[in-house]
N, C-alpha and C. Protein backbone atom coordinates (compact mmCIF):
# COMPACT_ATOMS: atom_id res chain seq x y z
N UNK A 1 140.56 113.32 99.68
CA UNK A 1 141.45 113.79 100.71
C UNK A 1 142.77 113.03 100.57
N UNK A 2 143.87 113.76 100.37
CA UNK A 2 145.19 113.14 100.24
C UNK A 2 145.66 112.66 101.61
N UNK A 3 146.54 111.64 101.60
CA UNK A 3 147.02 111.11 102.86
C UNK A 3 148.11 111.97 103.42
N UNK A 4 147.85 112.54 104.55
CA UNK A 4 148.84 113.24 105.36
C UNK A 4 148.55 112.85 106.80
N UNK A 5 149.50 113.06 107.69
CA UNK A 5 149.21 112.73 109.09
C UNK A 5 147.99 113.49 109.64
N UNK A 6 147.84 114.75 109.25
CA UNK A 6 146.69 115.52 109.75
C UNK A 6 145.38 115.01 109.13
N UNK A 7 145.42 114.60 107.85
CA UNK A 7 144.22 114.04 107.22
C UNK A 7 143.86 112.71 107.87
N UNK A 8 144.86 111.91 108.21
CA UNK A 8 144.61 110.64 108.89
C UNK A 8 143.99 110.87 110.26
N UNK A 9 144.52 111.85 111.00
CA UNK A 9 143.94 112.18 112.31
C UNK A 9 142.51 112.66 112.17
N UNK A 10 142.25 113.45 111.13
CA UNK A 10 140.90 113.95 110.90
C UNK A 10 139.95 112.79 110.58
N UNK A 11 140.38 111.85 109.74
CA UNK A 11 139.55 110.68 109.43
C UNK A 11 139.27 109.85 110.68
N UNK A 12 140.29 109.65 111.50
CA UNK A 12 140.10 108.89 112.73
C UNK A 12 139.14 109.59 113.68
N UNK A 13 139.24 110.92 113.77
CA UNK A 13 138.31 111.67 114.63
C UNK A 13 136.88 111.55 114.11
N UNK A 14 136.70 111.63 112.80
CA UNK A 14 135.36 111.48 112.22
C UNK A 14 134.84 110.06 112.45
N UNK A 15 135.71 109.08 112.32
CA UNK A 15 135.30 107.69 112.55
C UNK A 15 134.86 107.50 113.99
N UNK A 16 135.59 108.08 114.93
CA UNK A 16 135.21 107.99 116.34
C UNK A 16 133.85 108.64 116.59
N UNK A 17 133.62 109.79 115.98
CA UNK A 17 132.32 110.46 116.12
C UNK A 17 131.19 109.61 115.56
N UNK A 18 131.46 108.92 114.45
CA UNK A 18 130.44 108.05 113.86
C UNK A 18 130.10 106.90 114.80
N UNK A 19 131.12 106.30 115.41
CA UNK A 19 130.87 105.21 116.35
C UNK A 19 130.05 105.69 117.54
N UNK A 20 130.30 106.91 117.99
CA UNK A 20 129.55 107.46 119.11
C UNK A 20 128.10 107.74 118.74
N UNK A 21 127.83 107.95 117.46
CA UNK A 21 126.47 108.25 117.01
C UNK A 21 125.65 106.99 116.73
N UNK A 22 126.28 105.84 116.73
CA UNK A 22 125.57 104.60 116.45
C UNK A 22 124.55 104.29 117.52
N UNK A 23 123.53 103.57 117.11
CA UNK A 23 122.51 103.11 118.04
C UNK A 23 122.76 101.67 118.44
N UNK A 24 121.94 101.17 119.36
CA UNK A 24 122.11 99.79 119.82
C UNK A 24 121.97 98.76 118.71
N UNK A 25 121.13 99.05 117.72
CA UNK A 25 120.92 98.12 116.61
C UNK A 25 122.22 97.87 115.84
N UNK A 26 122.97 98.92 115.57
CA UNK A 26 124.23 98.78 114.83
C UNK A 26 125.27 98.02 115.66
N UNK A 27 125.32 98.30 116.96
CA UNK A 27 126.26 97.58 117.81
C UNK A 27 125.89 96.11 117.95
N UNK A 28 124.60 95.80 117.98
CA UNK A 28 124.18 94.40 118.03
C UNK A 28 124.61 93.65 116.77
N UNK A 29 124.38 94.28 115.62
CA UNK A 29 124.79 93.65 114.35
C UNK A 29 126.30 93.46 114.33
N UNK A 30 127.05 94.47 114.76
CA UNK A 30 128.51 94.36 114.79
C UNK A 30 128.95 93.20 115.67
N UNK A 31 128.34 93.07 116.84
CA UNK A 31 128.72 92.00 117.76
C UNK A 31 128.37 90.62 117.19
N UNK A 32 127.19 90.50 116.59
CA UNK A 32 126.78 89.21 116.03
C UNK A 32 127.65 88.79 114.85
N UNK A 33 127.96 89.74 113.97
CA UNK A 33 128.80 89.42 112.81
C UNK A 33 130.22 89.10 113.28
N UNK A 34 130.75 89.86 114.24
CA UNK A 34 132.09 89.58 114.76
C UNK A 34 132.15 88.18 115.38
N UNK A 35 131.13 87.84 116.15
CA UNK A 35 131.08 86.51 116.76
C UNK A 35 130.99 85.41 115.70
N UNK A 36 130.14 85.62 114.71
CA UNK A 36 130.00 84.64 113.63
C UNK A 36 131.29 84.46 112.85
N UNK A 37 131.94 85.56 112.52
CA UNK A 37 133.21 85.50 111.78
C UNK A 37 134.28 84.80 112.63
N UNK A 38 134.33 85.15 113.92
CA UNK A 38 135.33 84.54 114.80
C UNK A 38 135.12 83.04 114.92
N UNK A 39 133.87 82.62 115.03
CA UNK A 39 133.59 81.18 115.13
C UNK A 39 133.93 80.48 113.82
N UNK A 40 133.52 81.05 112.70
CA UNK A 40 133.79 80.44 111.40
C UNK A 40 135.29 80.26 111.17
N UNK A 41 136.05 81.34 111.32
CA UNK A 41 137.49 81.27 111.08
C UNK A 41 138.17 80.44 112.18
N UNK A 42 137.74 80.61 113.41
CA UNK A 42 138.35 79.89 114.53
C UNK A 42 138.18 78.39 114.44
N UNK A 43 137.00 77.94 114.03
CA UNK A 43 136.77 76.50 113.90
C UNK A 43 137.53 75.95 112.70
N UNK A 44 137.45 76.63 111.57
CA UNK A 44 138.09 76.11 110.35
C UNK A 44 139.61 76.10 110.44
N UNK A 45 140.19 77.03 111.18
CA UNK A 45 141.65 77.07 111.30
C UNK A 45 142.13 76.44 112.60
N UNK A 46 141.22 75.88 113.36
CA UNK A 46 141.48 75.19 114.62
C UNK A 46 142.11 76.12 115.67
N UNK A 47 141.79 77.39 115.60
CA UNK A 47 142.12 78.27 116.71
C UNK A 47 141.16 77.97 117.86
N UNK A 48 139.98 77.47 117.51
CA UNK A 48 139.03 76.92 118.48
C UNK A 48 139.12 75.40 118.29
N UNK A 49 139.63 74.67 119.27
CA UNK A 49 139.74 73.22 119.11
C UNK A 49 138.37 72.60 118.84
N UNK A 50 138.34 71.68 117.88
CA UNK A 50 137.07 71.05 117.51
C UNK A 50 137.35 69.69 116.90
N UNK A 51 136.32 68.83 116.83
CA UNK A 51 136.52 67.48 116.28
C UNK A 51 136.47 67.41 114.75
N UNK A 52 136.11 68.49 114.07
CA UNK A 52 135.92 68.46 112.62
C UNK A 52 137.17 68.75 111.83
N UNK A 53 138.05 69.57 112.37
CA UNK A 53 139.27 69.96 111.65
C UNK A 53 140.48 69.66 112.52
N UNK A 54 141.61 69.47 111.86
CA UNK A 54 142.86 69.26 112.60
C UNK A 54 143.92 70.21 112.04
N UNK A 55 144.98 70.34 112.80
CA UNK A 55 146.03 71.27 112.43
C UNK A 55 147.37 70.55 112.64
N UNK A 56 148.19 70.49 111.60
CA UNK A 56 149.48 69.81 111.71
C UNK A 56 150.55 70.69 112.34
N UNK A 57 150.48 71.99 112.09
CA UNK A 57 151.47 72.94 112.62
C UNK A 57 150.76 73.73 113.73
N UNK A 58 151.39 73.82 114.88
CA UNK A 58 150.78 74.52 116.02
C UNK A 58 150.58 76.00 115.72
N UNK A 59 149.63 76.59 116.43
CA UNK A 59 149.37 78.02 116.26
C UNK A 59 150.56 78.82 116.79
N UNK A 60 150.66 80.03 116.31
CA UNK A 60 151.71 80.94 116.72
C UNK A 60 151.05 82.01 117.59
N UNK A 61 151.80 82.65 118.46
CA UNK A 61 151.23 83.59 119.42
C UNK A 61 150.40 84.69 118.76
N UNK A 62 150.79 85.15 117.58
CA UNK A 62 150.12 86.28 116.95
C UNK A 62 148.83 85.87 116.23
N UNK A 63 148.57 84.59 116.07
CA UNK A 63 147.35 84.14 115.41
C UNK A 63 146.11 84.63 116.13
N UNK A 64 146.12 84.54 117.46
CA UNK A 64 144.93 84.90 118.24
C UNK A 64 144.59 86.40 118.19
N UNK A 65 145.55 87.30 118.41
CA UNK A 65 145.20 88.73 118.30
C UNK A 65 144.73 89.12 116.89
N UNK A 66 145.37 88.57 115.86
CA UNK A 66 144.97 88.89 114.49
C UNK A 66 143.55 88.40 114.24
N UNK A 67 143.26 87.20 114.68
CA UNK A 67 141.93 86.61 114.52
C UNK A 67 140.87 87.45 115.23
N UNK A 68 141.11 87.81 116.47
CA UNK A 68 140.12 88.58 117.25
C UNK A 68 139.97 90.00 116.69
N UNK A 69 141.08 90.67 116.42
CA UNK A 69 141.00 92.05 115.90
C UNK A 69 140.31 92.11 114.54
N UNK A 70 140.60 91.15 113.69
CA UNK A 70 139.94 91.14 112.38
C UNK A 70 138.45 90.84 112.54
N UNK A 71 138.10 89.94 113.44
CA UNK A 71 136.68 89.65 113.66
C UNK A 71 135.94 90.90 114.14
N UNK A 72 136.54 91.65 115.04
CA UNK A 72 135.93 92.89 115.52
C UNK A 72 135.81 93.88 114.37
N UNK A 73 136.87 94.01 113.58
CA UNK A 73 136.85 94.93 112.43
C UNK A 73 135.79 94.55 111.41
N UNK A 74 135.67 93.26 111.11
CA UNK A 74 134.67 92.80 110.15
C UNK A 74 133.26 93.06 110.69
N UNK A 75 133.06 92.83 111.98
CA UNK A 75 131.75 93.10 112.58
C UNK A 75 131.39 94.57 112.51
N UNK A 76 132.32 95.43 112.88
CA UNK A 76 132.06 96.88 112.81
C UNK A 76 131.86 97.33 111.37
N UNK A 77 132.68 96.81 110.48
CA UNK A 77 132.57 97.19 109.07
C UNK A 77 131.21 96.79 108.51
N UNK A 78 130.74 95.62 108.86
CA UNK A 78 129.43 95.16 108.39
C UNK A 78 128.33 96.09 108.90
N UNK A 79 128.44 96.51 110.15
CA UNK A 79 127.42 97.39 110.73
C UNK A 79 127.39 98.77 110.07
N UNK A 80 128.48 99.17 109.41
CA UNK A 80 128.46 100.47 108.73
C UNK A 80 127.55 100.46 107.51
N UNK A 81 127.21 99.27 107.02
CA UNK A 81 126.34 99.17 105.86
C UNK A 81 124.86 99.26 106.23
N UNK A 82 124.57 99.35 107.50
CA UNK A 82 123.18 99.52 107.95
C UNK A 82 122.86 101.00 107.99
N UNK A 83 121.71 101.35 107.50
CA UNK A 83 121.29 102.73 107.59
C UNK A 83 120.75 102.98 109.00
N UNK A 84 121.16 104.09 109.61
CA UNK A 84 120.58 104.41 110.91
C UNK A 84 119.07 104.58 110.79
N UNK A 85 118.36 104.28 111.84
CA UNK A 85 116.90 104.34 111.82
C UNK A 85 116.39 105.74 111.51
N UNK A 86 117.17 106.78 111.81
CA UNK A 86 116.71 108.15 111.62
C UNK A 86 116.82 108.63 110.18
N UNK A 87 117.54 107.90 109.34
CA UNK A 87 117.71 108.34 107.95
C UNK A 87 116.49 108.01 107.12
N UNK A 88 116.21 108.88 106.19
CA UNK A 88 115.11 108.65 105.26
C UNK A 88 115.63 108.04 103.97
N UNK A 89 114.81 108.05 102.96
CA UNK A 89 115.21 107.54 101.65
C UNK A 89 116.03 108.61 100.93
N UNK A 90 116.97 108.19 100.15
CA UNK A 90 117.79 109.12 99.38
C UNK A 90 117.39 109.06 97.92
N UNK A 91 117.79 110.09 97.17
CA UNK A 91 117.48 110.06 95.74
C UNK A 91 118.47 109.14 95.02
N UNK A 92 118.21 108.90 93.76
CA UNK A 92 118.97 107.93 92.97
C UNK A 92 120.44 108.32 92.84
N UNK A 93 120.74 109.59 92.63
CA UNK A 93 122.13 110.03 92.47
C UNK A 93 122.92 109.80 93.75
N UNK A 94 122.31 110.10 94.90
CA UNK A 94 123.00 109.89 96.17
C UNK A 94 123.25 108.40 96.40
N UNK A 95 122.27 107.58 96.06
CA UNK A 95 122.44 106.13 96.23
C UNK A 95 123.54 105.60 95.33
N UNK A 96 123.64 106.08 94.10
CA UNK A 96 124.68 105.63 93.17
C UNK A 96 126.06 105.99 93.69
N UNK A 97 126.22 107.21 94.22
CA UNK A 97 127.51 107.63 94.76
C UNK A 97 127.87 106.80 95.98
N UNK A 98 126.90 106.54 96.84
CA UNK A 98 127.16 105.74 98.03
C UNK A 98 127.52 104.30 97.65
N UNK A 99 126.85 103.74 96.64
CA UNK A 99 127.12 102.37 96.23
C UNK A 99 128.53 102.23 95.64
N UNK A 100 129.01 103.25 94.94
CA UNK A 100 130.37 103.19 94.39
C UNK A 100 131.40 103.15 95.52
N UNK A 101 131.20 103.97 96.55
CA UNK A 101 132.11 103.96 97.70
C UNK A 101 131.99 102.64 98.47
N UNK A 102 130.78 102.11 98.56
CA UNK A 102 130.56 100.84 99.26
C UNK A 102 131.30 99.69 98.58
N UNK A 103 131.32 99.70 97.25
CA UNK A 103 132.01 98.62 96.53
C UNK A 103 133.49 98.59 96.88
N UNK A 104 134.10 99.77 96.93
CA UNK A 104 135.53 99.84 97.21
C UNK A 104 135.83 99.37 98.63
N UNK A 105 135.08 99.86 99.61
CA UNK A 105 135.35 99.46 100.98
C UNK A 105 134.94 98.01 101.24
N UNK A 106 133.90 97.53 100.57
CA UNK A 106 133.52 96.14 100.79
C UNK A 106 134.58 95.21 100.21
N UNK A 107 135.20 95.59 99.11
CA UNK A 107 136.29 94.78 98.55
C UNK A 107 137.46 94.72 99.53
N UNK A 108 137.79 95.85 100.13
CA UNK A 108 138.89 95.87 101.10
C UNK A 108 138.53 95.01 102.31
N UNK A 109 137.30 95.09 102.78
CA UNK A 109 136.87 94.28 103.91
C UNK A 109 136.89 92.80 103.60
N UNK A 110 136.41 92.43 102.44
CA UNK A 110 136.43 91.01 102.04
C UNK A 110 137.86 90.53 101.91
N UNK A 111 138.72 91.33 101.30
CA UNK A 111 140.13 90.95 101.17
C UNK A 111 140.76 90.78 102.54
N UNK A 112 140.43 91.66 103.49
CA UNK A 112 140.95 91.52 104.84
C UNK A 112 140.49 90.23 105.50
N UNK A 113 139.24 89.87 105.32
CA UNK A 113 138.72 88.63 105.88
C UNK A 113 139.38 87.40 105.28
N UNK A 114 139.54 87.40 103.97
CA UNK A 114 140.18 86.25 103.30
C UNK A 114 141.65 86.14 103.70
N UNK A 115 142.34 87.27 103.77
CA UNK A 115 143.74 87.24 104.18
C UNK A 115 143.89 86.74 105.61
N UNK A 116 142.93 87.07 106.46
CA UNK A 116 142.97 86.56 107.83
C UNK A 116 142.92 85.05 107.83
N UNK A 117 142.04 84.50 107.02
CA UNK A 117 141.90 83.06 106.90
C UNK A 117 143.24 82.41 106.55
N UNK A 118 143.91 82.96 105.54
CA UNK A 118 145.21 82.41 105.13
C UNK A 118 146.29 82.68 106.17
N UNK A 119 146.21 83.83 106.85
CA UNK A 119 147.26 84.20 107.80
C UNK A 119 147.25 83.34 109.05
N UNK A 120 146.08 83.02 109.58
CA UNK A 120 146.03 82.30 110.85
C UNK A 120 145.87 80.79 110.68
N UNK A 121 145.66 80.35 109.46
CA UNK A 121 145.50 78.92 109.21
C UNK A 121 146.83 78.18 109.23
N UNK A 122 146.73 76.89 109.33
CA UNK A 122 147.92 76.02 109.29
C UNK A 122 148.51 76.09 107.87
N UNK A 123 149.80 76.37 107.73
CA UNK A 123 150.37 76.53 106.39
C UNK A 123 150.30 75.26 105.53
N UNK A 124 150.38 74.10 106.14
CA UNK A 124 150.32 72.88 105.35
C UNK A 124 148.91 72.31 105.26
N UNK A 125 147.97 72.87 106.00
CA UNK A 125 146.57 72.45 105.89
C UNK A 125 145.85 73.24 104.81
N UNK A 126 146.46 74.32 104.35
CA UNK A 126 145.89 75.16 103.31
C UNK A 126 146.08 74.45 101.97
N UNK A 127 144.99 74.00 101.41
CA UNK A 127 145.05 73.19 100.18
C UNK A 127 145.65 73.97 99.01
N UNK A 128 145.38 75.27 98.95
CA UNK A 128 145.92 76.08 97.85
C UNK A 128 147.45 76.15 97.94
N UNK A 129 147.94 76.47 99.14
CA UNK A 129 149.40 76.54 99.33
C UNK A 129 150.04 75.16 99.13
N UNK A 130 149.37 74.13 99.61
CA UNK A 130 149.90 72.78 99.49
C UNK A 130 149.99 72.33 98.03
N UNK A 131 148.95 72.61 97.25
CA UNK A 131 148.97 72.25 95.83
C UNK A 131 149.99 73.08 95.05
N UNK A 132 150.07 74.36 95.36
CA UNK A 132 150.96 75.24 94.61
C UNK A 132 152.43 75.04 94.99
N UNK A 133 152.70 74.80 96.27
CA UNK A 133 154.08 74.80 96.74
C UNK A 133 154.57 73.45 97.26
N UNK A 134 153.65 72.53 97.51
CA UNK A 134 154.05 71.27 98.13
C UNK A 134 154.23 71.45 99.62
N UNK A 135 154.45 70.34 100.33
CA UNK A 135 154.57 70.38 101.79
C UNK A 135 155.75 71.23 102.23
N UNK A 136 156.92 70.95 101.67
CA UNK A 136 158.12 71.69 102.10
C UNK A 136 158.05 73.15 101.65
N UNK A 137 157.46 73.40 100.48
CA UNK A 137 157.30 74.78 100.01
C UNK A 137 156.34 75.58 100.88
N UNK A 138 155.27 74.91 101.35
CA UNK A 138 154.32 75.59 102.23
C UNK A 138 154.99 76.00 103.53
N UNK A 139 155.86 75.15 104.04
CA UNK A 139 156.57 75.49 105.28
C UNK A 139 157.68 76.51 105.01
N UNK A 140 158.40 76.32 103.91
CA UNK A 140 159.53 77.20 103.60
C UNK A 140 159.10 78.57 103.10
N UNK A 141 158.10 78.64 102.24
CA UNK A 141 157.72 79.89 101.60
C UNK A 141 156.44 80.51 102.15
N UNK A 142 155.41 79.69 102.36
CA UNK A 142 154.12 80.24 102.77
C UNK A 142 154.09 80.62 104.24
N UNK A 143 154.62 79.77 105.12
CA UNK A 143 154.59 80.06 106.56
C UNK A 143 155.26 81.39 106.91
N UNK A 144 156.44 81.72 106.33
CA UNK A 144 157.03 83.02 106.65
C UNK A 144 156.23 84.21 106.12
N UNK A 145 155.38 83.99 105.11
CA UNK A 145 154.54 85.08 104.59
C UNK A 145 153.30 85.32 105.43
N UNK A 146 152.93 84.39 106.29
CA UNK A 146 151.70 84.52 107.05
C UNK A 146 151.65 85.77 107.94
N UNK A 147 152.73 86.16 108.62
CA UNK A 147 152.65 87.42 109.38
C UNK A 147 152.41 88.64 108.50
N UNK A 148 152.95 88.62 107.28
CA UNK A 148 152.73 89.73 106.35
C UNK A 148 151.27 89.73 105.90
N UNK A 149 150.71 88.55 105.65
CA UNK A 149 149.28 88.45 105.30
C UNK A 149 148.42 88.94 106.45
N UNK A 150 148.81 88.62 107.68
CA UNK A 150 148.06 89.06 108.85
C UNK A 150 148.07 90.58 108.95
N UNK A 151 149.22 91.18 108.76
CA UNK A 151 149.32 92.64 108.80
C UNK A 151 148.49 93.26 107.69
N UNK A 152 148.55 92.70 106.49
CA UNK A 152 147.75 93.21 105.38
C UNK A 152 146.26 93.08 105.68
N UNK A 153 145.85 91.98 106.30
CA UNK A 153 144.44 91.79 106.66
C UNK A 153 143.99 92.86 107.65
N UNK A 154 144.81 93.11 108.66
CA UNK A 154 144.45 94.13 109.66
C UNK A 154 144.40 95.53 109.03
N UNK A 155 145.37 95.83 108.18
CA UNK A 155 145.40 97.16 107.54
C UNK A 155 144.20 97.35 106.62
N UNK A 156 143.93 96.36 105.76
CA UNK A 156 142.79 96.48 104.84
C UNK A 156 141.46 96.63 105.58
N UNK A 157 141.26 95.81 106.59
CA UNK A 157 140.02 95.89 107.36
C UNK A 157 139.94 97.22 108.10
N UNK A 158 141.05 97.64 108.69
CA UNK A 158 141.07 98.91 109.43
C UNK A 158 140.84 100.12 108.54
N UNK A 159 141.49 100.15 107.39
CA UNK A 159 141.32 101.28 106.46
C UNK A 159 139.88 101.33 105.95
N UNK A 160 139.33 100.18 105.59
CA UNK A 160 137.94 100.15 105.13
C UNK A 160 136.99 100.63 106.22
N UNK A 161 137.24 100.22 107.45
CA UNK A 161 136.38 100.62 108.57
C UNK A 161 136.47 102.12 108.82
N UNK A 162 137.67 102.66 108.88
CA UNK A 162 137.82 104.10 109.13
C UNK A 162 137.22 104.90 107.98
N UNK A 163 137.42 104.44 106.77
CA UNK A 163 136.88 105.12 105.60
C UNK A 163 135.35 105.17 105.66
N UNK A 164 134.73 104.01 105.95
CA UNK A 164 133.27 103.94 106.03
C UNK A 164 132.73 104.80 107.17
N UNK A 165 133.37 104.68 108.34
CA UNK A 165 132.88 105.43 109.50
C UNK A 165 133.04 106.93 109.30
N UNK A 166 134.19 107.36 108.80
CA UNK A 166 134.40 108.80 108.61
C UNK A 166 133.44 109.35 107.56
N UNK A 167 133.11 108.53 106.58
CA UNK A 167 132.15 108.96 105.56
C UNK A 167 130.74 109.15 106.12
N UNK A 168 130.42 108.44 107.19
CA UNK A 168 129.10 108.60 107.79
C UNK A 168 128.93 109.98 108.41
N UNK A 169 130.03 110.59 108.84
CA UNK A 169 129.98 111.93 109.43
C UNK A 169 130.28 113.00 108.39
N UNK A 170 131.34 112.79 107.59
CA UNK A 170 131.77 113.79 106.61
C UNK A 170 130.77 113.94 105.47
N UNK A 171 130.16 112.85 105.04
CA UNK A 171 129.22 112.86 103.92
C UNK A 171 127.95 112.11 104.29
N UNK A 172 127.22 112.59 105.28
CA UNK A 172 126.02 111.85 105.67
C UNK A 172 124.98 111.89 104.56
N UNK A 173 124.22 110.85 104.51
CA UNK A 173 123.17 110.76 103.51
C UNK A 173 121.95 111.53 104.04
N UNK A 174 121.57 112.61 103.37
CA UNK A 174 120.46 113.41 103.91
C UNK A 174 119.12 112.69 103.76
N UNK A 175 118.25 112.99 104.70
CA UNK A 175 116.89 112.46 104.60
C UNK A 175 116.15 113.29 103.56
N UNK A 176 115.36 112.64 102.75
CA UNK A 176 114.60 113.36 101.74
C UNK A 176 113.28 113.81 102.32
N UNK A 177 112.68 114.73 101.65
CA UNK A 177 111.39 115.22 102.10
C UNK A 177 110.34 114.16 101.81
N UNK A 178 109.46 113.99 102.79
CA UNK A 178 108.39 113.02 102.60
C UNK A 178 107.27 113.68 101.80
N UNK A 179 106.62 112.91 100.94
CA UNK A 179 105.47 113.46 100.20
C UNK A 179 104.36 113.87 101.15
N UNK A 180 103.55 114.80 100.71
CA UNK A 180 102.47 115.34 101.55
C UNK A 180 101.53 114.24 102.03
N UNK A 181 101.25 113.23 101.19
CA UNK A 181 100.36 112.16 101.60
C UNK A 181 100.93 111.37 102.77
N UNK A 182 102.24 111.18 102.78
CA UNK A 182 102.88 110.46 103.88
C UNK A 182 102.85 111.31 105.14
N UNK A 183 103.03 112.63 104.99
CA UNK A 183 102.98 113.52 106.16
C UNK A 183 101.60 113.46 106.79
N UNK A 184 100.55 113.42 105.97
CA UNK A 184 99.20 113.36 106.49
C UNK A 184 98.96 112.05 107.25
N UNK A 185 99.49 110.97 106.74
CA UNK A 185 99.33 109.66 107.42
C UNK A 185 100.09 109.63 108.74
N UNK A 186 101.20 110.36 108.81
CA UNK A 186 102.02 110.35 110.01
C UNK A 186 101.36 111.13 111.15
N UNK A 187 100.44 112.02 110.82
CA UNK A 187 99.79 112.81 111.87
C UNK A 187 98.85 112.01 112.62
């Protein structure tokens, strides 16, 4: 599907329908993963004050919304990888096609999570930026890039989430027929 405003609206509508079809199990996983991601990133970047890490440069107002929105996106994205309880087993060709799409969206989700880490972290506490650019370079060059990294993190996570959710409705994985022996056991 090519990107047009109407195609984007259609994907968003399909994604919304997929969220409405989720069961409590998927929402529980989404909430637990979002909470875990938020705690991990929040503690390491000192968005959550703690005795283990310190931050030389104070947080900026946009750090908190980016952190929370990405955590929610990562949680929801993770829950899309769970098969609904009503689905059966799929054949090998269907699984191969689904795995190829999963690789692409999982890469975007992972990239969004990593970018969030760099975006909300202290620019001079980031060892990679500090080694590559030095203290003054981290403040001069890396700190101004952090809002762009934050936006990229939100976009990547959001696109991966909408793509995965819309695929659950547009291309659902059909349940396969159960063998006769299994049908007999189910009676």
